[in-house]
Amino acid sequence: MWVLWALAAFLFMGLANLGMKGAGQRGLDSAGVLFWVVLGELPLAVGYWLGRSRPGASPSGVAWGLGAGVLTALALVCVNESFARGARTAVAVGIMNANFLLVALLAFLAFHEHLQPSRLVGLAATLAGLWLMAR
């Protein structure tokens, strides 16, 4: 069932990226786009937290969560700045979402997750595709 959640994230994030580009094309500057994106996220995040959160969160878990939030905001600042500076949407978002390469490497180093050879081939194919898109 996890794959359905991952596919839903794929769909929602793709539409969100398109929405950010559209907001910029309709007059919002990069800071305004980020502000409205975060404001739109907040009610859902609070509702999800209230409905699913468990009491007694560890301080280190909270720190990792806050750090991830700051880094997510920085990523959105950067992608919106790339849009404002004329980036083609598919290329900028493709590059941003190639972060899975970094995630795979760090998950291997930090969490001892293994990458089978077939997955390494998939990562290489994705990089080749990004290179072709950026040309």
C-alpha atoms as a PDB file:
ATOM      1  CA  MET A   1       0.000   0.000   0.000  1.00  0.00           C
ATOM      2  CA  TRP A   2       2.933   2.372   0.508  1.00  0.00           C
ATOM      3  CA  VAL A   3       3.315   2.737  -3.253  1.00  0.00           C
ATOM      4  CA  LEU A   4      -0.177   4.270  -3.523  1.00  0.00           C
ATOM      5  CA  TRP A   5       0.819   6.915  -0.988  1.00  0.00           C
ATOM      6  CA  ALA A   6       4.035   7.553  -2.917  1.00  0.00           C
ATOM      7  CA  LEU A   7       2.081   7.877  -6.182  1.00  0.00           C
ATOM      8  CA  ALA A   8      -0.337  10.290  -4.515  1.00  0.00           C
ATOM      9  CA  ALA A   9       2.662  12.361  -3.350  1.00  0.00           C
ATOM     10  CA  PHE A  10       3.948  12.311  -6.943  1.00  0.00           C
ATOM     11  CA  LEU A  11       0.608  13.631  -8.199  1.00  0.00           C
ATOM     12  CA  PHE A  12       0.133  16.282  -5.517  1.00  0.00           C
ATOM     13  CA  MET A  13       3.734  17.553  -5.674  1.00  0.00           C
ATOM     14  CA  GLY A  14       3.599  17.728  -9.458  1.00  0.00           C
ATOM     15  CA  LEU A  15       0.415  19.791  -9.325  1.00  0.00           C
ATOM     16  CA  ALA A  16       1.878  21.953  -6.535  1.00  0.00           C
ATOM     17  CA  ASN A  17       4.995  22.699  -8.599  1.00  0.00           C
ATOM     18  CA  LEU A  18       2.809  23.631 -11.542  1.00  0.00           C
ATOM     19  CA  GLY A  19       0.759  25.854  -9.221  1.00  0.00           C
ATOM     20  CA  MET A  20       3.865  27.632  -7.968  1.00  0.00           C
ATOM     21  CA  LYS A  21       4.957  28.394 -11.527  1.00  0.00           C
ATOM     22  CA  GLY A  22       1.432  29.564 -12.374  1.00  0.00           C
ATOM     23  CA  ALA A  23       1.282  31.833  -9.326  1.00  0.00           C
ATOM     24  CA  GLY A  24       4.525  33.476 -10.388  1.00  0.00           C
ATOM     25  CA  GLN A  25       3.252  33.965 -13.921  1.00  0.00           C
ATOM     26  CA  ARG A  26       0.150  35.638 -12.491  1.00  0.00           C
ATOM     27  CA  GLY A  27       2.021  38.329 -10.621  1.00  0.00           C
ATOM     28  CA  LEU A  28       3.233  36.865  -7.332  1.00  0.00           C
ATOM     29  CA  ASP A  29       6.915  37.335  -6.637  1.00  0.00           C
ATOM     30  CA  SER A  30       8.946  34.416  -5.280  1.00  0.00           C
ATOM     31  CA  ALA A  31       8.441  35.437  -1.660  1.00  0.00           C
ATOM     32  CA  GLY A  32       4.689  35.775  -2.207  1.00  0.00           C
ATOM     33  CA  VAL A  33       4.492  32.335  -3.777  1.00  0.00           C
ATOM     34  CA  LEU A  34       6.282  30.772  -0.811  1.00  0.00           C
ATOM     35  CA  PHE A  35       4.095  32.676   1.658  1.00  0.00           C
ATOM     36  CA  TRP A  36       0.843  31.474   0.080  1.00  0.00           C
ATOM     37  CA  VAL A  37       2.159  27.920  -0.321  1.00  0.00           C
ATOM     38  CA  VAL A  38       3.050  27.738   3.376  1.00  0.00           C
ATOM     39  CA  LEU A  39      -0.239  29.339   4.372  1.00  0.00           C
ATOM     40  CA  GLY A  40      -2.049  26.742   2.279  1.00  0.00           C
ATOM     41  CA  GLU A  41      -0.080  23.919   3.900  1.00  0.00           C
ATOM     42  CA  LEU A  42      -0.614  25.016   7.480  1.00  0.00           C
ATOM     43  CA  PRO A  43      -4.263  23.978   8.035  1.00  0.00           C
ATOM     44  CA  LEU A  44      -3.679  20.548   6.515  1.00  0.00           C
ATOM     45  CA  ALA A  45      -0.480  20.063   8.496  1.00  0.00           C
ATOM     46  CA  VAL A  46      -2.174  21.015  11.766  1.00  0.00           C
ATOM     47  CA  GLY A  47      -5.157  18.768  11.063  1.00  0.00           C
ATOM     48  CA  TYR A  48      -2.931  15.851  10.077  1.00  0.00           C
ATOM     49  CA  TRP A  49      -0.785  16.343  13.189  1.00  0.00           C
ATOM     50  CA  LEU A  50      -3.794  16.511  15.495  1.00  0.00           C
ATOM     51  CA  GLY A  51      -5.329  13.407  13.925  1.00  0.00           C
ATOM     52  CA  ARG A  52      -2.214  11.253  13.696  1.00  0.00           C
ATOM     53  CA  SER A  53       0.342  12.524  16.198  1.00  0.00           C
ATOM     54  CA  ARG A  54       1.390  10.480  19.194  1.00  0.00           C
ATOM     55  CA  PRO A  55       2.124  12.118  22.555  1.00  0.00           C
ATOM     56  CA  GLY A  56       5.640  12.085  23.903  1.00  0.00           C
ATOM     57  CA  ALA A  57       7.556  12.980  20.759  1.00  0.00           C
ATOM     58  CA  SER A  58      11.287  12.724  21.255  1.00  0.00           C
ATOM     59  CA  PRO A  59      13.257  15.974  21.130  1.00  0.00           C
ATOM     60  CA  SER A  60      15.534  14.529  18.468  1.00  0.00           C
ATOM     61  CA  GLY A  61      12.516  13.563  16.342  1.00  0.00           C
ATOM     62  CA  VAL A  62      11.151  17.098  16.650  1.00  0.00           C
ATOM     63  CA  ALA A  63      14.564  18.518  15.729  1.00  0.00           C
ATOM     64  CA  TRP A  64      14.750  16.315  12.609  1.00  0.00           C
ATOM     65  CA  GLY A  65      11.221  17.388  11.664  1.00  0.00           C
ATOM     66  CA  LEU A  66      11.950  21.097  12.131  1.00  0.00           C
ATOM     67  CA  GLY A  67      15.189  20.769  10.196  1.00  0.00           C
ATOM     68  CA  ALA A  68      13.356  19.054   7.350  1.00  0.00           C
ATOM     69  CA  GLY A  69      10.813  21.881   7.343  1.00  0.00           C
ATOM     70  CA  VAL A  70      13.498  24.550   7.100  1.00  0.00           C
ATOM     71  CA  LEU A  71      15.238  22.668   4.296  1.00  0.00           C
ATOM     72  CA  THR A  72      11.934  22.175   2.449  1.00  0.00           C
ATOM     73  CA  ALA A  73      11.259  25.911   2.669  1.00  0.00           C
ATOM     74  CA  LEU A  74      14.758  26.651   1.352  1.00  0.00           C
ATOM     75  CA  ALA A  75      14.168  24.253  -1.563  1.00  0.00           C
ATOM     76  CA  LEU A  76      10.904  26.013  -2.382  1.00  0.00           C
ATOM     77  CA  VAL A  77      12.631  29.412  -2.205  1.00  0.00           C
ATOM     78  CA  CYS A  78      15.251  28.171  -4.654  1.00  0.00           C
ATOM     79  CA  VAL A  79      12.816  26.600  -7.127  1.00  0.00           C
ATOM     80  CA  ASN A  80      10.603  29.695  -7.072  1.00  0.00           C
ATOM     81  CA  GLU A  81      13.642  31.897  -7.668  1.00  0.00           C
ATOM     82  CA  SER A  82      14.564  29.687 -10.628  1.00  0.00           C
ATOM     83  CA  PHE A  83      11.031  30.132 -12.005  1.00  0.00           C
ATOM     84  CA  ALA A  84      11.283  33.911 -11.529  1.00  0.00           C
ATOM     85  CA  ARG A  85      14.560  33.909 -13.449  1.00  0.00           C
ATOM     86  CA  GLY A  86      13.046  32.130 -16.457  1.00  0.00           C
ATOM     87  CA  ALA A  87      13.560  28.443 -15.764  1.00  0.00           C
ATOM     88  CA  ARG A  88      11.475  26.023 -17.762  1.00  0.00           C
ATOM     89  CA  THR A  89       9.161  24.406 -15.253  1.00  0.00           C
ATOM     90  CA  ALA A  90       9.825  20.775 -16.147  1.00  0.00           C
ATOM     91  CA  VAL A  91      13.597  21.236 -16.109  1.00  0.00           C
ATOM     92  CA  ALA A  92      13.773  23.156 -12.821  1.00  0.00           C
ATOM     93  CA  VAL A  93      11.399  20.754 -11.071  1.00  0.00           C
ATOM     94  CA  GLY A  94      13.193  17.764 -12.595  1.00  0.00           C
ATOM     95  CA  ILE A  95      16.506  18.977 -11.243  1.00  0.00           C
ATOM     96  CA  MET A  96      15.006  19.729  -7.843  1.00  0.00           C
ATOM     97  CA  ASN A  97      13.363  16.326  -7.665  1.00  0.00           C
ATOM     98  CA  ALA A  98      16.589  14.600  -8.624  1.00  0.00           C
ATOM     99  CA  ASN A  99      17.296  15.023  -4.923  1.00  0.00           C
ATOM    100  CA  PHE A 100      16.477  11.342  -4.642  1.00  0.00           C
ATOM    101  CA  LEU A 101      20.102  10.726  -5.686  1.00  0.00           C
ATOM    102  CA  LEU A 102      21.274  12.569  -2.582  1.00  0.00           C
ATOM    103  CA  VAL A 103      18.597  10.834  -0.502  1.00  0.00           C
ATOM    104  CA  ALA A 104      19.710   7.403  -1.745  1.00  0.00           C
ATOM    105  CA  LEU A 105      23.345   8.120  -0.922  1.00  0.00           C
ATOM    106  CA  LEU A 106      22.627   9.583   2.499  1.00  0.00           C
ATOM    107  CA  ALA A 107      20.124   6.828   3.346  1.00  0.00           C
ATOM    108  CA  PHE A 108      22.849   4.317   2.516  1.00  0.00           C
ATOM    109  CA  LEU A 109      25.373   6.127   4.728  1.00  0.00           C
ATOM    110  CA  ALA A 110      23.115   7.200   7.615  1.00  0.00           C
ATOM    111  CA  PHE A 111      20.449   4.476   7.757  1.00  0.00           C
ATOM    112  CA  HIS A 112      22.313   1.556   6.136  1.00  0.00           C
ATOM    113  CA  GLU A 113      19.672   1.152   3.416  1.00  0.00           C
ATOM    114  CA  HIS A 114      20.906  -0.983   0.541  1.00  0.00           C
ATOM    115  CA  LEU A 115      20.754  -0.173  -3.135  1.00  0.00           C
ATOM    116  CA  GLN A 116      20.452  -3.135  -5.445  1.00  0.00           C
ATOM    117  CA  PRO A 117      22.251  -2.923  -8.798  1.00  0.00           C
ATOM    118  CA  SER A 118      18.924  -2.568 -10.625  1.00  0.00           C
ATOM    119  CA  ARG A 119      18.135   0.545  -8.587  1.00  0.00           C
ATOM    120  CA  LEU A 120      21.551   2.005  -9.363  1.00  0.00           C
ATOM    121  CA  VAL A 121      20.803   1.499 -13.060  1.00  0.00           C
ATOM    122  CA  GLY A 122      17.487   3.290 -12.546  1.00  0.00           C
ATOM    123  CA  LEU A 123      19.243   6.199 -10.849  1.00  0.00           C
ATOM    124  CA  ALA A 124      21.713   6.449 -13.734  1.00  0.00           C
ATOM    125  CA  ALA A 125      18.886   6.342 -16.290  1.00  0.00           C
ATOM    126  CA  THR A 126      17.096   9.134 -14.478  1.00  0.00           C
ATOM    127  CA  LEU A 127      20.225  11.270 -14.499  1.00  0.00           C
ATOM    128  CA  ALA A 128      20.584  10.660 -18.225  1.00  0.00           C
ATOM    129  CA  GLY A 129      16.968  11.724 -18.709  1.00  0.00           C
ATOM    130  CA  LEU A 130      17.510  14.925 -16.730  1.00  0.00           C
ATOM    131  CA  TRP A 131      20.572  15.699 -18.798  1.00  0.00           C
ATOM    132  CA  LEU A 132      18.548  15.266 -21.999  1.00  0.00           C
ATOM    133  CA  MET A 133      15.738  17.471 -20.663  1.00  0.00           C
ATOM    134  CA  ALA A 134      18.157  20.246 -19.704  1.00  0.00           C
ATOM    135  CA  ARG A 135      19.753  20.412 -23.157  1.00  0.00           C
END
